[in-house]
C-alpha atoms as a PDB file:
ATOM      1  CA  UNK A   1      67.861  90.399  71.530  1.00  0.00           C
ATOM      2  CA  UNK A   2      69.178  90.864  68.043  1.00  0.00           C
ATOM      3  CA  UNK A   3      72.452  89.417  66.991  1.00  0.00           C
ATOM      4  CA  UNK A   4      73.920  92.816  66.114  1.00  0.00           C
ATOM      5  CA  UNK A   5      73.493  94.129  69.692  1.00  0.00           C
ATOM      6  CA  UNK A   6      75.629  91.357  71.209  1.00  0.00           C
ATOM      7  CA  UNK A   7      79.330  92.249  71.137  1.00  0.00           C
ATOM      8  CA  UNK A   8      81.478  89.675  69.425  1.00  0.00           C
ATOM      9  CA  UNK A   9      84.425  88.349  71.404  1.00  0.00           C
ATOM     10  CA  UNK A  10      86.739  88.901  68.460  1.00  0.00           C
ATOM     11  CA  UNK A  11      85.944  92.624  68.601  1.00  0.00           C
ATOM     12  CA  UNK A  12      87.012  92.973  72.227  1.00  0.00           C
ATOM     13  CA  UNK A  13      90.524  94.225  72.691  1.00  0.00           C
ATOM     14  CA  UNK A  14      92.810  92.345  75.004  1.00  0.00           C
ATOM     15  CA  UNK A  15      93.956  94.920  77.473  1.00  0.00           C
ATOM     16  CA  UNK A  16      97.532  94.950  78.571  1.00  0.00           C
ATOM     17  CA  UNK A  17      98.023  94.447  82.309  1.00  0.00           C
ATOM     18  CA  UNK A  18      98.878  97.785  83.866  1.00  0.00           C
ATOM     19  CA  UNK A  19     101.708  98.389  86.261  1.00  0.00           C
ATOM     20  CA  UNK A  20     100.498  99.899  89.515  1.00  0.00           C
ATOM     21  CA  UNK A  21     102.318 101.551  92.381  1.00  0.00           C
ATOM     22  CA  UNK A  22     102.535  99.528  95.619  1.00  0.00           C
ATOM     23  CA  UNK A  23     104.056 100.124  99.052  1.00  0.00           C
ATOM     24  CA  UNK A  24     105.220  96.872 100.667  1.00  0.00           C
ATOM     25  CA  UNK A  25     106.442  96.701 104.269  1.00  0.00           C
ATOM     26  CA  UNK A  26     108.038  93.571 105.700  1.00  0.00           C
ATOM     27  CA  UNK A  27     108.662  92.782 109.359  1.00  0.00           C
ATOM     28  CA  UNK A  28     111.479  90.245 109.507  1.00  0.00           C
ATOM     29  CA  UNK A  29     112.377  88.131 112.529  1.00  0.00           C
ATOM     30  CA  UNK A  30     114.999  89.849 114.728  1.00  0.00           C
ATOM     31  CA  UNK A  31     116.705  86.483 115.334  1.00  0.00           C
ATOM     32  CA  UNK A  32     118.379  86.782 111.929  1.00  0.00           C
ATOM     33  CA  UNK A  33     121.879  88.221 111.643  1.00  0.00           C
ATOM     34  CA  UNK A  34     122.520  91.134 109.300  1.00  0.00           C
ATOM     35  CA  UNK A  35     123.660  88.852 106.477  1.00  0.00           C
ATOM     36  CA  UNK A  36     120.664  86.539 106.888  1.00  0.00           C
ATOM     37  CA  UNK A  37     118.284  89.508 106.865  1.00  0.00           C
ATOM     38  CA  UNK A  38     119.912  90.822 103.693  1.00  0.00           C
ATOM     39  CA  UNK A  39     119.558  87.371 102.106  1.00  0.00           C
ATOM     40  CA  UNK A  40     115.819  87.280 102.925  1.00  0.00           C
ATOM     41  CA  UNK A  41     115.284  90.773 101.498  1.00  0.00           C
ATOM     42  CA  UNK A  42     117.393  89.954  98.446  1.00  0.00           C
ATOM     43  CA  UNK A  43     115.243  86.875  97.755  1.00  0.00           C
ATOM     44  CA  UNK A  44     112.053  88.939  97.686  1.00  0.00           C
ATOM     45  CA  UNK A  45     113.769  91.706  95.687  1.00  0.00           C
ATOM     46  CA  UNK A  46     114.829  89.096  93.100  1.00  0.00           C
ATOM     47  CA  UNK A  47     111.271  87.732  92.924  1.00  0.00           C
ATOM     48  CA  UNK A  48     109.922  91.219  92.189  1.00  0.00           C
ATOM     49  CA  UNK A  49     112.520  92.036  89.531  1.00  0.00           C
ATOM     50  CA  UNK A  50     112.218  88.644  87.812  1.00  0.00           C
ATOM     51  CA  UNK A  51     108.461  89.148  87.415  1.00  0.00           C
ATOM     52  CA  UNK A  52     108.998  92.525  85.738  1.00  0.00           C
ATOM     53  CA  UNK A  53     108.451  94.883  88.663  1.00  0.00           C
ATOM     54  CA  UNK A  54     110.350  98.135  88.865  1.00  0.00           C
ATOM     55  CA  UNK A  55     111.673  98.929  92.350  1.00  0.00           C
ATOM     56  CA  UNK A  56     111.425 102.660  93.072  1.00  0.00           C
ATOM     57  CA  UNK A  57     112.397 102.594  96.769  1.00  0.00           C
ATOM     58  CA  UNK A  58     114.258  99.965  98.730  1.00  0.00           C
ATOM     59  CA  UNK A  59     114.726 101.178 102.309  1.00  0.00           C
ATOM     60  CA  UNK A  60     115.818  99.167 105.334  1.00  0.00           C
ATOM     61  CA  UNK A  61     114.167 100.758 108.374  1.00  0.00           C
ATOM     62  CA  UNK A  62     116.127  98.709 110.877  1.00  0.00           C
ATOM     63  CA  UNK A  63     115.161  97.044 114.134  1.00  0.00           C
ATOM     64  CA  UNK A  64     112.141  98.518 115.897  1.00  0.00           C
ATOM     65  CA  UNK A  65     109.996  97.624 118.861  1.00  0.00           C
ATOM     66  CA  UNK A  66     106.648  96.080 117.953  1.00  0.00           C
ATOM     67  CA  UNK A  67     103.380  97.438 119.336  1.00  0.00           C
ATOM     68  CA  UNK A  68     102.471  93.946 120.558  1.00  0.00           C
ATOM     69  CA  UNK A  69     104.298  90.605 120.611  1.00  0.00           C
ATOM     70  CA  UNK A  70     104.245  88.577 117.393  1.00  0.00           C
ATOM     71  CA  UNK A  71     105.328  84.938 117.755  1.00  0.00           C
ATOM     72  CA  UNK A  72     106.772  85.774 121.204  1.00  0.00           C
ATOM     73  CA  UNK A  73     109.000  88.494 119.741  1.00  0.00           C
ATOM     74  CA  UNK A  74     108.947  92.112 120.921  1.00  0.00           C
ATOM     75  CA  UNK A  75     111.108  93.522 118.083  1.00  0.00           C
ATOM     76  CA  UNK A  76     111.264  93.187 114.320  1.00  0.00           C
ATOM     77  CA  UNK A  77     113.440  94.325 111.444  1.00  0.00           C
ATOM     78  CA  UNK A  78     111.427  96.519 109.086  1.00  0.00           C
ATOM     79  CA  UNK A  79     112.016  96.898 105.345  1.00  0.00           C
ATOM     80  CA  UNK A  80     110.098  99.028 102.812  1.00  0.00           C
ATOM     81  CA  UNK A  81     109.724  98.458  99.081  1.00  0.00           C
ATOM     82  CA  UNK A  82     107.950 100.878  96.772  1.00  0.00           C
ATOM     83  CA  UNK A  83     107.409  99.153  93.444  1.00  0.00           C
ATOM     84  CA  UNK A  84     105.538  99.428  90.185  1.00  0.00           C
ATOM     85  CA  UNK A  85     104.243  95.950  89.466  1.00  0.00           C
ATOM     86  CA  UNK A  86     101.394  93.913  88.064  1.00  0.00           C
ATOM     87  CA  UNK A  87      98.733  92.587  90.412  1.00  0.00           C
ATOM     88  CA  UNK A  88      99.808  88.993  89.713  1.00  0.00           C
ATOM     89  CA  UNK A  89     103.365  89.776  90.809  1.00  0.00           C
ATOM     90  CA  UNK A  90     102.159  91.204  94.117  1.00  0.00           C
ATOM     91  CA  UNK A  91      99.832  88.229  94.649  1.00  0.00           C
ATOM     92  CA  UNK A  92     102.754  85.829  94.135  1.00  0.00           C
ATOM     93  CA  UNK A  93     104.969  87.887  96.458  1.00  0.00           C
ATOM     94  CA  UNK A  94     102.301  87.853  99.185  1.00  0.00           C
ATOM     95  CA  UNK A  95     101.894  84.100  98.804  1.00  0.00           C
ATOM     96  CA  UNK A  96     105.632  83.591  99.335  1.00  0.00           C
ATOM     97  CA  UNK A  97     105.696  86.060 102.225  1.00  0.00           C
ATOM     98  CA  UNK A  98     102.965  84.058 103.978  1.00  0.00           C
ATOM     99  CA  UNK A  99     104.968  80.850 103.549  1.00  0.00           C
ATOM    100  CA  UNK A 100     108.231  82.354 104.793  1.00  0.00           C
ATOM    101  CA  UNK A 101     109.141  81.644 108.414  1.00  0.00           C
ATOM    102  CA  UNK A 102     111.525  84.612 108.413  1.00  0.00           C
ATOM    103  CA  UNK A 103     108.766  87.187 107.851  1.00  0.00           C
ATOM    104  CA  UNK A 104     106.628  87.963 110.910  1.00  0.00           C
ATOM    105  CA  UNK A 105     104.199  90.311 109.121  1.00  0.00           C
ATOM    106  CA  UNK A 106     103.842  92.007 105.766  1.00  0.00           C
ATOM    107  CA  UNK A 107     101.560  94.582 104.192  1.00  0.00           C
ATOM    108  CA  UNK A 108     101.164  95.495 100.527  1.00  0.00           C
ATOM    109  CA  UNK A 109      99.055  98.564  99.720  1.00  0.00           C
ATOM    110  CA  UNK A 110      98.208 100.115  96.368  1.00  0.00           C
ATOM    111  CA  UNK A 111      99.630 103.593  96.696  1.00  0.00           C
ATOM    112  CA  UNK A 112      98.350 104.920  93.362  1.00  0.00           C
ATOM    113  CA  UNK A 113      94.756 104.894  94.627  1.00  0.00           C
ATOM    114  CA  UNK A 114      95.736 106.978  97.647  1.00  0.00           C
ATOM    115  CA  UNK A 115      97.626 109.468  95.485  1.00  0.00           C
ATOM    116  CA  UNK A 116      94.676 109.753  93.095  1.00  0.00           C
ATOM    117  CA  UNK A 117      92.256 110.210  96.006  1.00  0.00           C
ATOM    118  CA  UNK A 118      94.353 112.978  97.583  1.00  0.00           C
ATOM    119  CA  UNK A 119      94.708 114.769  94.216  1.00  0.00           C
ATOM    120  CA  UNK A 120      90.927 114.611  93.735  1.00  0.00           C
ATOM    121  CA  UNK A 121      90.296 116.067  97.205  1.00  0.00           C
ATOM    122  CA  UNK A 122      92.808 118.854  96.592  1.00  0.00           C
ATOM    123  CA  UNK A 123      91.135 119.706  93.278  1.00  0.00           C
ATOM    124  CA  UNK A 124      87.678 119.823  94.926  1.00  0.00           C
ATOM    125  CA  UNK A 125      88.971 122.118  97.672  1.00  0.00           C
ATOM    126  CA  UNK A 126      90.512 124.478  95.127  1.00  0.00           C
ATOM    127  CA  UNK A 127      87.266 124.563  93.108  1.00  0.00           C
ATOM    128  CA  UNK A 128      85.280 125.288  96.270  1.00  0.00           C
ATOM    129  CA  UNK A 129      87.613 128.136  97.181  1.00  0.00           C
ATOM    130  CA  UNK A 130      87.384 129.533  93.645  1.00  0.00           C
ATOM    131  CA  UNK A 131      83.543 129.483  93.749  1.00  0.00           C
ATOM    132  CA  UNK A 132      83.362 131.293  97.076  1.00  0.00           C
ATOM    133  CA  UNK A 133      82.702 135.009  96.646  1.00  0.00           C
ATOM    134  CA  UNK A 134      85.618 137.037  97.833  1.00  0.00           C
ATOM    135  CA  UNK A 135      84.878 139.415 100.674  1.00  0.00           C
ATOM    136  CA  UNK A 136      85.564 143.035  99.896  1.00  0.00           C
ATOM    137  CA  UNK A 137      86.817 144.808 102.951  1.00  0.00           C
ATOM    138  CA  UNK A 138      85.446 148.325 103.161  1.00  0.00           C
ATOM    139  CA  UNK A 139      88.022 150.873 104.236  1.00  0.00           C
ATOM    140  CA  UNK A 140      87.337 151.923 107.783  1.00  0.00           C
ATOM    141  CA  UNK A 141      86.747 155.557 108.555  1.00  0.00           C
ATOM    142  CA  UNK A 142      90.013 157.104 109.612  1.00  0.00           C
ATOM    143  CA  UNK A 143      89.754 159.199 112.776  1.00  0.00           C
ATOM    144  CA  UNK A 144      90.931 162.747 112.308  1.00  0.00           C
ATOM    145  CA  UNK A 145      94.485 163.227 113.368  1.00  0.00           C
ATOM    146  CA  UNK A 146      94.821 164.816 116.753  1.00  0.00           C
ATOM    147  CA  UNK A 147      97.027 167.846 116.972  1.00  0.00           C
ATOM    148  CA  UNK A 148     100.114 167.830 119.122  1.00  0.00           C
ATOM    149  CA  UNK A 149      98.332 169.301 122.143  1.00  0.00           C
ATOM    150  CA  UNK A 150      95.960 166.349 122.244  1.00  0.00           C
ATOM    151  CA  UNK A 151      92.875 168.488 121.556  1.00  0.00           C
ATOM    152  CA  UNK A 152      90.721 167.494 118.642  1.00  0.00           C
ATOM    153  CA  UNK A 153      89.247 170.172 116.431  1.00  0.00           C
END
């Protein structure tokens, strides 16, 4: 292999870390009072903002019944965050969520992939519809109008 075909490291550009869209749902222990729950959520909100994430949605969903018991609890307090953040920020958030005794479950999903996938499917469907030949409906033969007596001529 010749030396000119090997890319030099100095020629490679350092790419800036991109901000991606994430949906994060927390299930917080129902044993917490309203103020304690707000303090838990505020701690995670502060972690996101301090690492440079932009919070787009911050919705408390309230207390809901769980589908199955988690740590002998039948209910949980749900909270949704929709954020634009770096992957490292989400990894750090998930690490802290796992360590927290106040959080029963959590889920962080990249929403931008789902949006891109749905846009791609919509585009394919529209292209398929555009390629389909349109059916031309032939006008049906109109029966001759009957006269008032009901006899046809």
